[in-house]
Amino acid sequence: MSAQPSSEVTPPRPAGEEMDARLLTEAVTRLRRALRSSIRTDYPWETLPMAQVELLQVLGEHSPARVSDLATRRRLAPSTVSGLIGQMITAGLVARDVDPADRRASVVTLTNAGRQKLDAWTTAHERRMDAALAALHDSEREAIANALPALFRLAEHLGEPAEGADLE
């Protein structure tokens, strides 16, 4: 399999850095789509929307959390997160409790069912990714491993406000 995208869906490539940004964006998009698609093919029980999975992941690392904190971390509107949390409460994945630091506010925590769902989701994705990585040549796996630190740093930079962005 070629490391370059197929010509069917790849628009003409500009030269220089723009080409790198375009190809990286396309690669990340394809990876996310392929992983979501393959996991639902291999594990048809997986019906949890990605937005809810991402909230479970945040809660897995930062729990309990206020809805506003979850919204900030996921770069979503608080009303959107509140709606997702409502669905997740109904599904038994999270619980809403009074914030012990401020009894006027509430916090969201993972339930045991939510933790189990997140663990199953993570395990299934890791198995799928391991299988895909095993199909690559050693040099390709090494290139991916070597790129991981830079990809994490890139994600951090993407999480920062754009230079010159209006922060008001």
Protein backbone atom coordinates (compact mmCIF):
# COMPACT_ATOMS: atom_id res chain seq x y z
CA MET A 1 0.00 0.00 0.00
CA SER A 2 1.37 3.40 -0.97
CA ALA A 3 2.07 6.04 1.67
CA GLN A 4 0.66 8.65 -0.69
CA PRO A 5 -3.10 9.23 -0.92
CA SER A 6 -4.89 7.93 -4.00
CA SER A 7 -5.25 10.39 -6.87
CA GLU A 8 -9.04 9.87 -6.88
CA VAL A 9 -9.67 11.97 -3.79
CA THR A 10 -6.49 14.00 -3.49
CA PRO A 11 -6.85 17.53 -4.83
CA PRO A 12 -3.90 19.04 -6.70
CA ARG A 13 -1.04 19.53 -4.27
CA PRO A 14 0.47 22.94 -3.68
CA ALA A 15 4.21 23.16 -3.18
CA GLY A 16 6.08 23.40 0.10
CA GLU A 17 4.56 23.61 3.57
CA GLU A 18 1.01 23.86 2.27
CA MET A 19 1.40 20.42 0.74
CA ASP A 20 2.58 19.02 4.07
CA ALA A 21 -0.40 20.54 5.92
CA ARG A 22 -2.86 19.29 3.32
CA LEU A 23 -1.45 15.77 3.29
CA LEU A 24 -1.27 15.60 7.08
CA THR A 25 -4.86 16.82 7.36
CA GLU A 26 -5.97 14.23 4.83
CA ALA A 27 -4.02 11.46 6.58
CA VAL A 28 -5.50 12.32 10.00
CA THR A 29 -9.00 12.51 8.53
CA ARG A 30 -8.61 9.15 6.82
CA LEU A 31 -7.17 7.54 9.96
CA ARG A 32 -10.07 8.74 12.11
CA ARG A 33 -12.65 7.65 9.53
CA ALA A 34 -10.99 4.27 8.98
CA LEU A 35 -10.70 3.58 12.69
CA ARG A 36 -14.34 4.50 13.36
CA SER A 37 -15.53 2.48 10.38
CA SER A 38 -13.40 -0.58 11.06
CA ILE A 39 -14.30 -0.74 14.71
CA ARG A 40 -18.01 -0.74 13.88
CA THR A 41 -17.43 -3.48 11.32
CA ASP A 42 -15.34 -5.61 13.67
CA TYR A 43 -17.40 -4.76 16.77
CA PRO A 44 -20.99 -4.08 15.71
CA TRP A 45 -22.02 -3.46 19.33
CA GLU A 46 -20.02 -0.23 19.24
CA THR A 47 -22.68 2.43 18.77
CA LEU A 48 -21.43 5.10 21.14
CA PRO A 49 -21.19 8.44 19.29
CA MET A 50 -17.64 9.81 19.06
CA ALA A 51 -18.59 12.97 20.97
CA GLN A 52 -19.66 10.81 23.92
CA VAL A 53 -16.51 8.68 23.68
CA GLU A 54 -14.40 11.84 23.82
CA LEU A 55 -16.26 13.01 26.93
CA LEU A 56 -15.73 9.59 28.53
CA GLN A 57 -12.03 9.87 27.71
CA VAL A 58 -11.79 13.30 29.35
CA LEU A 59 -13.69 12.04 32.40
CA GLY A 60 -11.40 9.01 32.50
CA GLU A 61 -8.48 11.41 32.99
CA HIS A 62 -10.18 14.31 34.80
CA SER A 63 -13.06 13.18 36.95
CA PRO A 64 -15.11 14.63 38.47
CA ALA A 65 -15.48 17.62 36.15
CA ARG A 66 -17.90 20.46 35.67
CA VAL A 67 -19.80 20.67 32.38
CA SER A 68 -18.06 23.97 31.63
CA ASP A 69 -14.65 22.32 32.10
CA LEU A 70 -15.64 19.47 29.79
CA ALA A 71 -16.87 21.98 27.22
CA THR A 72 -13.58 23.87 27.38
CA ARG A 73 -11.49 20.72 27.07
CA ARG A 74 -13.48 19.45 24.07
CA ARG A 75 -13.95 22.92 22.54
CA LEU A 76 -17.71 22.54 22.53
CA ALA A 77 -20.53 24.79 23.66
CA PRO A 78 -21.61 24.12 27.25
CA SER A 79 -25.17 23.51 26.03
CA THR A 80 -23.90 20.83 23.63
CA VAL A 81 -21.95 19.12 26.41
CA SER A 82 -24.92 19.38 28.74
CA GLY A 83 -27.11 17.64 26.16
CA LEU A 84 -24.53 14.89 25.66
CA ILE A 85 -24.19 14.47 29.41
CA GLY A 86 -27.97 14.13 29.69
CA GLN A 87 -27.90 11.30 27.13
CA MET A 88 -24.99 9.66 28.93
CA ILE A 89 -26.79 9.88 32.30
CA THR A 90 -29.80 8.17 30.73
CA ALA A 91 -27.48 5.45 29.38
CA GLY A 92 -25.94 5.03 32.85
CA LEU A 93 -22.44 6.02 31.69
CA VAL A 94 -22.02 9.09 33.89
CA ALA A 95 -23.60 10.58 36.99
CA ARG A 96 -24.17 14.19 37.96
CA ASP A 97 -23.43 15.12 41.56
CA VAL A 98 -23.16 18.27 43.65
CA ASP A 99 -19.71 19.86 43.46
CA PRO A 100 -18.25 19.53 46.97
CA ALA A 101 -16.20 22.71 46.39
CA ASP A 102 -19.28 24.76 45.41
CA ARG A 103 -22.65 23.28 46.36
CA ARG A 104 -24.37 25.55 43.81
CA ALA A 105 -22.59 23.75 40.96
CA SER A 106 -22.60 20.17 39.76
CA VAL A 107 -19.91 17.81 38.58
CA VAL A 108 -19.99 14.81 36.29
CA THR A 109 -18.29 11.51 37.09
CA LEU A 110 -17.90 8.22 35.29
CA THR A 111 -20.07 5.40 36.56
CA ASN A 112 -18.79 1.83 36.69
CA ALA A 113 -20.72 1.18 33.48
CA GLY A 114 -19.10 4.23 31.88
CA ARG A 115 -15.63 3.07 32.92
CA GLN A 116 -16.34 -0.43 31.54
CA LYS A 117 -17.63 1.03 28.25
CA LEU A 118 -14.57 3.28 27.94
CA ASP A 119 -12.22 0.38 28.74
CA ALA A 120 -13.94 -1.89 26.19
CA TRP A 121 -13.84 0.88 23.56
CA THR A 122 -10.14 1.53 24.22
CA THR A 123 -9.24 -2.16 24.15
CA ALA A 124 -11.14 -2.75 20.91
CA HIS A 125 -9.45 0.21 19.23
CA GLU A 126 -6.00 -0.82 20.45
CA ARG A 127 -6.53 -4.34 19.10
CA ARG A 128 -7.65 -2.95 15.75
CA MET A 129 -4.72 -0.54 15.62
CA ASP A 130 -2.25 -3.30 16.61
CA ALA A 131 -3.55 -5.47 13.77
CA ALA A 132 -3.20 -2.64 11.26
CA LEU A 133 0.30 -1.77 12.50
CA ALA A 134 1.32 -5.43 12.24
CA ALA A 135 0.45 -5.33 8.52
CA LEU A 136 3.01 -2.56 7.92
CA HIS A 137 6.70 -2.98 7.18
CA ASP A 138 9.11 -2.55 10.07
CA SER A 139 10.36 0.72 8.59
CA GLU A 140 6.80 2.09 8.41
CA ARG A 141 6.09 1.15 12.04
CA GLU A 142 9.37 2.77 13.05
CA ALA A 143 8.50 5.94 11.13
CA ILE A 144 5.13 6.13 12.91
CA ALA A 145 6.74 5.53 16.32
CA ASN A 146 9.32 8.23 15.61
CA ALA A 147 6.60 10.67 14.55
CA LEU A 148 4.46 10.25 17.69
CA PRO A 149 6.23 12.86 19.88
CA ALA A 150 5.98 15.45 17.12
CA LEU A 151 2.32 14.58 16.51
CA PHE A 152 1.53 15.09 20.20
CA ARG A 153 3.32 18.46 20.12
CA LEU A 154 1.41 19.36 16.95
CA ALA A 155 -1.86 18.55 18.74
CA GLU A 156 -0.83 20.86 21.59
CA HIS A 157 -0.14 23.68 19.14
CA LEU A 158 -3.46 23.10 17.41
CA GLY A 159 -5.13 23.46 20.80
CA GLU A 160 -3.70 26.95 21.27
CA PRO A 161 -5.52 30.03 19.95
CA ALA A 162 -4.46 30.99 16.45
CA GLU A 163 -2.02 33.88 16.28
CA GLY A 164 -3.99 37.08 15.93
CA ALA A 165 -7.27 35.40 16.89
CA ASP A 166 -9.76 37.57 18.72
CA LEU A 167 -9.94 36.14 22.24
CA GLU A 168 -12.88 38.27 23.42
